[in-house]
């Protein structure tokens, strides 16, 4: 059984909720596994795969009335809802295949007879295209690929160890023995990635051929989803855009260029924007936007027409590059293909840690910051470089002129602060960096206010 952080969030929801729970994320990231595992927390549950059961789709298409829905489930599935005692759990999987089942989340949540969990692989696309939103009646949880900490757990590392690593990274200091040991495992994570089926194959078999087979199946599912759910006019362009991501990341300059998709001169945002939006909404690609300047608030300085795209899982990027690249990384050459894998896994890890992704690059300047994030209340520039290149000109220039508040170099090098004030952290650090700032907000004592108002009446 592989532990996922989302399970803790699901347990918090169970303890105190007035909404349905909605698991979102790309296909094959473990949503169904989590829901079935979670059903063991209940005395009674019913699992329905909306995509595979036409009769169940018909139930929701016929009515959104909870009384009629539960009556149909009783007849067709033998699912009874007791009037007293613990609530049963109703699981609706693959709701993207039926707008009616997705829309039913609101009345079912309001009814309250059952705890409701739904999931879908393309809900971002459904919400964007159909403007269907029971939000306010659902609690969404995003389920992405397993992060490095979850990968370590799957291998048998305990939480005490990973908590210790997190503290070391926060403190900016780490024994070399810990760094080298963790980086050795991290290189395996770069190859395997975080898709649960691939991780399970690796943990159980220790055979990359099995991992490769799982990656092949996952990519076939992804392409099948494009052909099944994407608008007809976009299908070929979406697949071409997906295939272009590894190619562009293997270049020295990784800013996305529309001309690289199908190598058609004159084709640009007008022809491809909808296809790229579909990829991002489906969770198959991660978008990192360029900034016009590195000043707060960062979101107000986004450049919509300048961005990078990353694969949502670095293991799938390795699959796209082929066995020669995998062999190179397994042999220690992690910066093969212009460091594509290292930069992709940094983006994936930062996203999993809750950061919004930005970078900074100007065409008329040699200054480029691979990532810009808000970390520990500071606008922080991140460079992802080989440890052999100890200094980063872009970081030093940005620190010197005050464009950023802090600089971090992510590299295969010991953790330290150099003479220029740049923090050097190991390659796996982004998986353990905390995106949220802890805020102490005590409850006020209102007795004095009450007394003063009373005295002045």
Protein backbone atom coordinates (compact mmCIF):
# COMPACT_ATOMS: atom_id res chain seq x y z
CA UNK A 1 0.00 0.00 0.00
CA UNK A 2 1.49 3.33 -1.08
CA UNK A 3 0.90 6.27 1.20
CA UNK A 4 -0.31 9.54 -0.33
CA UNK A 5 -0.43 12.93 1.38
CA UNK A 6 -3.91 13.50 -0.03
CA UNK A 7 -5.24 10.74 2.24
CA UNK A 8 -4.63 12.94 5.28
CA UNK A 9 -6.66 15.71 3.63
CA UNK A 10 -9.44 13.24 2.93
CA UNK A 11 -9.52 12.21 6.59
CA UNK A 12 -9.79 15.86 7.65
CA UNK A 13 -12.72 16.25 5.25
CA UNK A 14 -14.43 13.18 6.74
CA UNK A 15 -14.12 14.57 10.26
CA UNK A 16 -15.73 17.91 9.44
CA UNK A 17 -17.47 18.66 6.17
CA UNK A 18 -20.66 19.92 4.61
CA UNK A 19 -19.65 19.36 1.02
CA UNK A 20 -18.85 16.60 -1.44
CA UNK A 21 -15.18 15.76 -2.01
CA UNK A 22 -13.83 16.12 -5.54
CA UNK A 23 -10.52 14.51 -6.54
CA UNK A 24 -9.06 16.18 -9.61
CA UNK A 25 -5.95 15.44 -11.60
CA UNK A 26 -4.56 13.66 -14.67
CA UNK A 27 -5.46 10.07 -15.43
CA UNK A 28 -3.42 7.34 -13.72
CA UNK A 29 -2.35 9.43 -10.72
CA UNK A 30 -4.07 7.17 -8.18
CA UNK A 31 -7.46 8.80 -7.63
CA UNK A 32 -9.45 5.55 -7.88
CA UNK A 33 -6.98 3.73 -5.62
CA UNK A 34 -7.29 6.48 -3.00
CA UNK A 35 -11.10 6.44 -3.06
CA UNK A 36 -11.31 2.66 -2.73
CA UNK A 37 -8.77 2.71 0.08
CA UNK A 38 -10.71 5.51 1.77
CA UNK A 39 -13.95 3.51 1.55
CA UNK A 40 -12.49 1.18 4.19
CA UNK A 41 -13.01 4.01 6.69
CA UNK A 42 -16.79 3.44 6.33
CA UNK A 43 -19.14 0.68 7.42
CA UNK A 44 -20.96 0.86 4.07
CA UNK A 45 -19.97 2.23 0.66
CA UNK A 46 -20.85 2.04 -3.01
CA UNK A 47 -18.38 2.56 -5.86
CA UNK A 48 -19.72 3.54 -9.29
CA UNK A 49 -17.57 4.05 -12.38
CA UNK A 50 -19.71 6.41 -14.43
CA UNK A 51 -17.61 5.87 -17.55
CA UNK A 52 -18.01 2.09 -17.54
CA UNK A 53 -21.65 1.81 -16.43
CA UNK A 54 -24.21 3.22 -18.91
CA UNK A 55 -27.09 2.30 -16.58
CA UNK A 56 -25.61 4.52 -13.88
CA UNK A 57 -25.19 7.41 -16.31
CA UNK A 58 -28.87 7.04 -17.12
CA UNK A 59 -29.79 7.34 -13.43
CA UNK A 60 -28.23 10.80 -13.22
CA UNK A 61 -29.50 11.87 -16.63
CA UNK A 62 -33.07 11.01 -15.61
CA UNK A 63 -33.09 13.04 -12.40
CA UNK A 64 -31.05 15.23 -10.07
CA UNK A 65 -33.47 14.60 -7.22
CA UNK A 66 -31.63 12.75 -4.39
CA UNK A 67 -34.74 10.74 -3.47
CA UNK A 68 -35.03 9.36 -7.00
CA UNK A 69 -31.27 8.80 -7.32
CA UNK A 70 -31.08 6.81 -4.08
CA UNK A 71 -34.20 4.84 -5.03
CA UNK A 72 -32.57 3.86 -8.33
CA UNK A 73 -29.32 2.91 -6.58
CA UNK A 74 -31.30 0.72 -4.19
CA UNK A 75 -32.98 -1.11 -7.08
CA UNK A 76 -29.94 -1.40 -9.37
CA UNK A 77 -27.16 -1.80 -6.82
CA UNK A 78 -28.85 -2.88 -3.59
CA UNK A 79 -27.44 0.23 -1.94
CA UNK A 80 -29.50 1.28 1.07
CA UNK A 81 -29.13 4.48 3.06
CA UNK A 82 -29.95 3.96 6.76
CA UNK A 83 -31.98 6.64 8.51
CA UNK A 84 -29.77 6.58 11.59
CA UNK A 85 -26.20 5.70 12.43
CA UNK A 86 -23.00 6.40 10.49
CA UNK A 87 -23.33 7.77 6.98
CA UNK A 88 -22.41 5.47 4.10
CA UNK A 89 -20.02 6.60 1.36
CA UNK A 90 -21.05 7.05 -2.27
CA UNK A 91 -18.15 7.16 -4.76
CA UNK A 92 -18.71 8.49 -8.28
CA UNK A 93 -15.64 7.86 -10.42
CA UNK A 94 -14.88 9.32 -13.88
CA UNK A 95 -17.62 11.95 -13.65
CA UNK A 96 -16.07 13.80 -16.59
CA UNK A 97 -17.84 11.27 -18.82
CA UNK A 98 -21.28 12.47 -17.69
CA UNK A 99 -22.20 16.11 -17.16
CA UNK A 100 -25.35 14.97 -15.37
CA UNK A 101 -23.44 13.03 -12.70
CA UNK A 102 -21.10 15.97 -12.18
CA UNK A 103 -24.01 18.39 -11.81
CA UNK A 104 -25.66 16.01 -9.31
CA UNK A 105 -22.89 16.65 -6.77
CA UNK A 106 -24.62 19.81 -5.59
CA UNK A 107 -28.04 18.31 -4.72
CA UNK A 108 -26.42 15.18 -3.27
CA UNK A 109 -24.15 17.29 -1.05
CA UNK A 110 -27.08 19.43 0.07
CA UNK A 111 -29.14 16.32 0.82
CA UNK A 112 -26.51 15.02 3.24
CA UNK A 113 -27.66 11.40 3.57
CA UNK A 114 -24.35 10.06 2.29
CA UNK A 115 -20.79 11.25 2.22
CA UNK A 116 -20.05 11.90 -1.46
CA UNK A 117 -16.70 11.57 -3.21
CA UNK A 118 -16.31 12.13 -6.94
CA UNK A 119 -13.30 12.08 -9.22
CA UNK A 120 -12.45 12.71 -12.81
CA UNK A 121 -9.39 12.88 -15.02
CA UNK A 122 -10.35 15.82 -17.23
CA UNK A 123 -12.39 18.00 -14.91
CA UNK A 124 -10.26 21.04 -15.70
CA UNK A 125 -11.31 20.72 -19.33
CA UNK A 126 -14.95 20.07 -18.38
CA UNK A 127 -15.09 23.13 -16.13
CA UNK A 128 -13.45 25.33 -18.76
CA UNK A 129 -15.49 24.15 -21.72
CA UNK A 130 -18.93 23.63 -20.20
CA UNK A 131 -18.81 26.14 -17.37
CA UNK A 132 -20.16 23.43 -15.07
CA UNK A 133 -19.37 24.20 -11.50
CA UNK A 134 -20.92 22.87 -8.31
CA UNK A 135 -18.14 24.78 -6.48
CA UNK A 136 -19.24 25.85 -3.05
CA UNK A 137 -20.73 22.39 -2.68
CA UNK A 138 -17.50 20.46 -3.25
CA UNK A 139 -14.05 20.47 -1.70
CA UNK A 140 -11.50 19.94 -4.49
CA UNK A 141 -8.24 18.08 -3.88
CA UNK A 142 -5.69 17.88 -6.69
CA UNK A 143 -4.06 14.47 -7.11
CA UNK A 144 -0.87 14.67 -9.15
CA UNK A 145 2.03 12.27 -9.53
CA UNK A 146 3.71 11.07 -6.35
CA UNK A 147 6.27 13.57 -5.12
CA UNK A 148 9.77 12.61 -4.00
CA UNK A 149 8.76 12.29 -0.35
CA UNK A 150 5.95 9.89 -1.28
CA UNK A 151 8.44 8.00 -3.47
CA UNK A 152 10.73 7.65 -0.45
CA UNK A 153 7.82 6.37 1.64
CA UNK A 154 7.04 3.78 -1.05
CA UNK A 155 10.64 2.56 -0.81
CA UNK A 156 10.31 2.14 2.95
CA UNK A 157 11.72 5.42 4.26
CA UNK A 158 9.92 6.52 7.41
CA UNK A 159 8.35 9.91 8.02
CA UNK A 160 10.88 10.76 10.72
CA UNK A 161 13.62 10.62 8.09
CA UNK A 162 11.79 12.76 5.53
CA UNK A 163 10.83 15.27 8.22
CA UNK A 164 14.51 15.49 9.13
CA UNK A 165 15.42 16.16 5.50
CA UNK A 166 12.78 18.89 5.32
CA UNK A 167 14.25 20.63 8.37
CA UNK A 168 17.78 20.41 6.95
CA UNK A 169 16.63 22.04 3.73
CA UNK A 170 14.76 24.76 5.60
CA UNK A 171 17.90 25.42 7.66
CA UNK A 172 20.09 25.38 4.55
CA UNK A 173 22.52 22.85 6.00
CA UNK A 174 22.88 19.14 5.32
CA UNK A 175 25.59 16.55 5.99
CA UNK A 176 27.25 15.39 2.78
CA UNK A 177 26.45 11.78 3.61
CA UNK A 178 22.73 12.58 3.69
CA UNK A 179 22.88 14.63 0.49
CA UNK A 180 24.74 12.02 -1.56
CA UNK A 181 22.53 9.18 -0.33
CA UNK A 182 19.30 11.08 -1.04
CA UNK A 183 20.53 12.29 -4.44
CA UNK A 184 21.31 8.72 -5.45
CA UNK A 185 17.68 7.82 -4.77
CA UNK A 186 16.50 11.03 -6.43
CA UNK A 187 18.20 10.05 -9.70
CA UNK A 188 16.07 6.89 -9.66
CA UNK A 189 12.99 9.04 -9.04
CA UNK A 190 13.88 11.14 -12.09
CA UNK A 191 13.76 8.00 -14.21
CA UNK A 192 10.74 6.28 -12.65
CA UNK A 193 8.72 9.44 -12.03
CA UNK A 194 5.72 9.63 -9.75
CA UNK A 195 2.93 7.86 -11.61
CA UNK A 196 1.73 5.26 -9.07
CA UNK A 197 1.68 2.34 -11.52
CA UNK A 198 5.30 3.01 -12.49
CA UNK A 199 6.38 3.46 -8.86
CA UNK A 200 4.61 0.24 -7.88
CA UNK A 201 6.30 -1.66 -10.71
CA UNK A 202 9.69 -0.33 -9.64
CA UNK A 203 9.19 -1.07 -5.94
CA UNK A 204 7.81 -4.57 -6.53
CA UNK A 205 10.00 -5.69 -9.43
CA UNK A 206 13.08 -3.46 -9.39
CA UNK A 207 13.06 -3.80 -13.18
CA UNK A 208 13.08 -0.78 -15.48
CA UNK A 209 11.48 -2.82 -18.26
CA UNK A 210 8.35 -3.02 -16.10
CA UNK A 211 8.50 0.73 -15.47
CA UNK A 212 8.86 1.33 -19.22
CA UNK A 213 5.79 -0.82 -19.88
CA UNK A 214 3.73 1.17 -17.37
CA UNK A 215 4.89 4.46 -18.92
CA UNK A 216 3.86 3.18 -22.34
CA UNK A 217 0.39 2.29 -21.06
CA UNK A 218 -0.02 5.68 -19.35
CA UNK A 219 0.91 7.58 -22.51
CA UNK A 220 -1.49 5.45 -24.55
CA UNK A 221 -4.26 6.31 -22.09
CA UNK A 222 -3.36 10.00 -22.34
CA UNK A 223 -3.48 9.96 -26.13
CA UNK A 224 -6.74 8.04 -26.00
CA UNK A 225 -8.24 10.72 -23.77
CA UNK A 226 -7.25 13.38 -26.28
CA UNK A 227 -8.94 11.49 -29.10
CA UNK A 228 -12.04 10.79 -27.00
CA UNK A 229 -12.64 14.07 -25.19
CA UNK A 230 -10.92 16.88 -27.10
CA UNK A 231 -12.80 18.89 -29.75
CA UNK A 232 -12.29 17.37 -33.19
CA UNK A 233 -10.62 20.50 -34.54
CA UNK A 234 -7.96 20.37 -31.80
CA UNK A 235 -7.07 16.68 -31.52
CA UNK A 236 -4.10 16.59 -33.91
CA UNK A 237 -2.74 19.91 -32.64
CA UNK A 238 -2.99 18.80 -29.00
CA UNK A 239 -1.04 15.62 -29.71
CA UNK A 240 1.54 17.58 -31.71
CA UNK A 241 1.90 20.08 -28.87
CA UNK A 242 2.34 17.26 -26.33
CA UNK A 243 5.05 15.67 -28.48
CA UNK A 244 6.85 19.01 -28.84
CA UNK A 245 7.45 19.50 -25.10
CA UNK A 246 10.41 17.06 -24.77
CA UNK A 247 11.96 18.47 -27.94
CA UNK A 248 11.81 22.09 -26.74
CA UNK A 249 13.07 21.22 -23.24
CA UNK A 250 16.16 19.62 -24.79
CA UNK A 251 17.20 22.99 -26.24
CA UNK A 252 19.48 25.51 -24.55
CA UNK A 253 16.67 28.05 -24.42
CA UNK A 254 13.51 26.37 -23.18
CA UNK A 255 10.94 29.12 -23.71
CA UNK A 256 8.06 27.58 -25.64
CA UNK A 257 7.90 28.45 -29.34
CA UNK A 258 4.72 27.80 -31.31
CA UNK A 259 6.78 27.23 -34.45
CA UNK A 260 8.32 24.13 -32.84
CA UNK A 261 5.00 22.30 -32.57
CA UNK A 262 4.56 21.27 -36.18
CA UNK A 263 7.38 23.30 -37.74
CA UNK A 264 4.89 25.38 -39.70
CA UNK A 265 6.02 28.88 -40.58
CA UNK A 266 3.56 31.58 -39.63
CA UNK A 267 1.69 29.40 -37.13
CA UNK A 268 1.40 30.97 -33.69
CA UNK A 269 -0.87 31.60 -30.75
CA UNK A 270 -3.99 31.93 -32.88
CA UNK A 271 -3.55 28.40 -34.22
CA UNK A 272 -2.32 26.69 -31.04
CA UNK A 273 -3.50 28.54 -27.91
CA UNK A 274 -6.66 26.46 -27.53
CA UNK A 275 -4.66 23.24 -27.87
CA UNK A 276 -2.16 24.30 -25.22
CA UNK A 277 -4.95 25.41 -22.87
CA UNK A 278 -6.52 21.96 -23.25
CA UNK A 279 -3.22 20.24 -22.36
CA UNK A 280 -2.73 22.37 -19.26
CA UNK A 281 -6.38 22.07 -18.15
CA UNK A 282 -6.17 18.28 -18.58
CA UNK A 283 -3.13 18.23 -16.29
CA UNK A 284 -0.85 16.75 -18.95
CA UNK A 285 1.44 19.79 -19.06
CA UNK A 286 2.75 22.26 -16.49
CA UNK A 287 2.93 25.90 -17.54
CA UNK A 288 5.52 28.30 -16.12
CA UNK A 289 4.94 31.94 -17.11
CA UNK A 290 7.58 34.58 -17.77
CA UNK A 291 7.57 37.76 -15.68
CA UNK A 292 7.92 41.28 -17.01
CA UNK A 293 9.65 42.14 -13.73
CA UNK A 294 10.40 40.29 -10.50
CA UNK A 295 8.44 42.60 -8.23
CA UNK A 296 5.48 41.76 -6.03
CA UNK A 297 2.78 40.81 -6.58
CA UNK A 298 4.30 38.38 -9.06
CA UNK A 299 0.93 37.40 -10.56
CA UNK A 300 0.41 40.95 -11.82
CA UNK A 301 3.66 40.77 -13.80
CA UNK A 302 2.85 37.63 -15.80
CA UNK A 303 3.53 37.74 -19.53
CA UNK A 304 0.75 35.70 -21.09
CA UNK A 305 2.57 35.28 -24.40
CA UNK A 306 5.85 33.99 -22.94
CA UNK A 307 6.03 30.71 -21.04
CA UNK A 308 7.65 27.31 -20.66
CA UNK A 309 5.83 23.98 -20.75
CA UNK A 310 6.92 20.94 -18.78
CA UNK A 311 5.66 17.37 -18.73
CA UNK A 312 3.46 16.73 -15.68
CA UNK A 313 5.63 13.73 -14.78
CA UNK A 314 9.38 13.53 -15.35
CA UNK A 315 9.27 9.75 -15.70
CA UNK A 316 7.06 10.20 -18.76
CA UNK A 317 9.55 12.75 -20.10
CA UNK A 318 12.26 10.11 -19.75
CA UNK A 319 10.04 7.66 -21.62
CA UNK A 320 9.66 10.21 -24.42
CA UNK A 321 13.45 10.63 -24.69
CA UNK A 322 14.06 6.91 -24.87
CA UNK A 323 16.34 4.35 -23.28
CA UNK A 324 19.60 6.08 -24.24
CA UNK A 325 18.71 9.11 -22.12
CA UNK A 326 17.51 6.88 -19.29
CA UNK A 327 20.80 4.98 -19.41
CA UNK A 328 22.76 8.24 -19.29
CA UNK A 329 20.92 9.44 -16.18
CA UNK A 330 21.24 6.03 -14.54
CA UNK A 331 25.00 6.30 -15.15
CA UNK A 332 25.17 9.69 -13.46
CA UNK A 333 24.83 12.12 -16.39
CA UNK A 334 21.74 13.87 -15.02
CA UNK A 335 22.29 16.98 -17.17
CA UNK A 336 21.88 15.11 -20.46
CA UNK A 337 19.66 16.85 -23.06
CA UNK A 338 20.68 20.32 -21.81
CA UNK A 339 19.45 19.52 -18.31
CA UNK A 340 15.86 18.93 -19.44
CA UNK A 341 15.13 16.27 -16.82
CA UNK A 342 16.55 18.31 -13.93
CA UNK A 343 14.59 21.42 -14.87
CA UNK A 344 11.39 19.43 -15.48
CA UNK A 345 11.58 17.65 -12.13
CA UNK A 346 12.27 20.96 -10.39
CA UNK A 347 9.09 22.40 -11.92
CA UNK A 348 7.14 19.27 -10.98
CA UNK A 349 8.46 19.35 -7.40
CA UNK A 350 7.80 23.07 -6.90
CA UNK A 351 4.24 22.61 -8.15
CA UNK A 352 3.70 19.66 -5.80
CA UNK A 353 4.99 21.82 -2.95
CA UNK A 354 2.32 24.41 -3.72
CA UNK A 355 4.34 27.11 -5.50
CA UNK A 356 3.06 29.13 -8.44
CA UNK A 357 5.59 28.80 -11.24
CA UNK A 358 7.32 31.76 -12.86
CA UNK A 359 10.62 32.42 -14.57
CA UNK A 360 12.35 35.59 -15.73
CA UNK A 361 13.91 36.14 -19.13
CA UNK A 362 14.31 39.18 -21.37
CA UNK A 363 15.17 38.86 -25.04
CA UNK A 364 17.46 41.91 -24.93
CA UNK A 365 19.30 40.69 -21.84
CA UNK A 366 21.52 37.74 -20.99
CA UNK A 367 19.87 37.53 -17.59
CA UNK A 368 17.58 34.54 -17.09
CA UNK A 369 16.27 33.01 -13.88
CA UNK A 370 15.01 29.43 -14.29
CA UNK A 371 12.32 29.95 -11.63
CA UNK A 372 11.04 32.82 -9.52
CA UNK A 373 8.99 31.94 -6.44
CA UNK A 374 7.82 33.45 -3.19
CA UNK A 375 9.76 31.53 -0.54
CA UNK A 376 9.99 32.45 3.14
CA UNK A 377 8.29 35.76 2.40
CA UNK A 378 10.95 36.70 -0.15
CA UNK A 379 10.94 36.93 -3.94
CA UNK A 380 13.47 34.21 -4.65
CA UNK A 381 15.29 33.37 -7.86
CA UNK A 382 16.14 29.70 -8.46
CA UNK A 383 18.81 28.50 -10.82
CA UNK A 384 19.03 24.82 -11.76
CA UNK A 385 22.64 24.22 -12.72
CA UNK A 386 25.40 21.66 -12.59
CA UNK A 387 27.37 21.75 -9.36
CA UNK A 388 30.50 22.16 -11.47
CA UNK A 389 29.28 25.67 -12.35
CA UNK A 390 29.44 27.09 -8.88
CA UNK A 391 28.37 30.66 -9.65
CA UNK A 392 25.32 31.94 -11.53
CA UNK A 393 25.73 35.32 -13.22
CA UNK A 394 21.97 35.88 -13.44
CA UNK A 395 21.46 35.27 -9.73
CA UNK A 396 24.37 37.52 -8.80
CA UNK A 397 23.19 40.34 -11.07
CA UNK A 398 19.63 40.10 -9.75
CA UNK A 399 20.76 40.10 -6.13
CA UNK A 400 23.12 43.00 -6.70
CA UNK A 401 20.51 45.31 -8.25
CA UNK A 402 17.74 44.23 -5.87
CA UNK A 403 15.58 42.54 -8.51
CA UNK A 404 15.17 39.59 -6.15
CA UNK A 405 15.37 39.29 -2.37
CA UNK A 406 17.13 35.93 -2.25
CA UNK A 407 18.86 33.47 -4.55
CA UNK A 408 18.96 29.68 -4.49
CA UNK A 409 21.05 27.43 -6.67
CA UNK A 410 19.68 23.91 -7.06
CA UNK A 411 22.60 21.65 -7.93
CA UNK A 412 24.49 18.43 -7.24
CA UNK A 413 26.68 20.27 -4.76
CA UNK A 414 26.91 20.52 -0.99
CA UNK A 415 24.39 22.66 0.90
CA UNK A 416 25.95 25.98 1.83
CA UNK A 417 25.66 29.74 1.52
CA UNK A 418 28.42 31.04 -0.74
CA UNK A 419 30.38 34.27 -0.45
CA UNK A 420 27.75 36.10 -2.53
CA UNK A 421 24.86 35.13 -0.28
CA UNK A 422 23.46 32.51 -2.67
CA UNK A 423 22.01 29.45 -0.93
CA UNK A 424 23.12 26.18 -2.53
CA UNK A 425 20.66 23.33 -2.04
CA UNK A 426 20.57 19.71 -3.31
CA UNK A 427 18.66 18.69 -6.43
CA UNK A 428 15.82 17.15 -4.43
CA UNK A 429 15.26 20.26 -2.28
CA UNK A 430 12.20 21.68 -4.11
CA UNK A 431 10.20 18.60 -3.06
CA UNK A 432 10.68 19.64 0.58
CA UNK A 433 10.41 23.42 0.34
CA UNK A 434 7.39 24.92 2.11
CA UNK A 435 5.31 27.29 0.00
CA UNK A 436 3.09 28.57 2.79
CA UNK A 437 4.13 31.08 5.39
CA UNK A 438 2.92 30.27 8.88
CA UNK A 439 0.90 33.19 10.25
CA UNK A 440 0.12 33.51 13.94
CA UNK A 441 -3.32 35.04 14.34
CA UNK A 442 -4.54 34.88 17.92
CA UNK A 443 -8.18 35.36 18.81
CA UNK A 444 -8.66 38.89 20.17
CA UNK A 445 -9.94 39.60 23.66
CA UNK A 446 -13.12 41.59 23.01
CA UNK A 447 -14.03 42.14 26.65
CA UNK A 448 -12.26 45.51 26.78
CA UNK A 449 -14.13 46.69 23.67
CA UNK A 450 -17.43 45.53 25.14
CA UNK A 451 -16.69 47.39 28.38
CA UNK A 452 -15.72 50.66 26.67
CA UNK A 453 -18.83 50.69 24.49
CA UNK A 454 -21.02 49.97 27.51
CA UNK A 455 -19.40 52.80 29.50
CA UNK A 456 -20.02 55.31 26.72
CA UNK A 457 -23.66 54.56 26.02
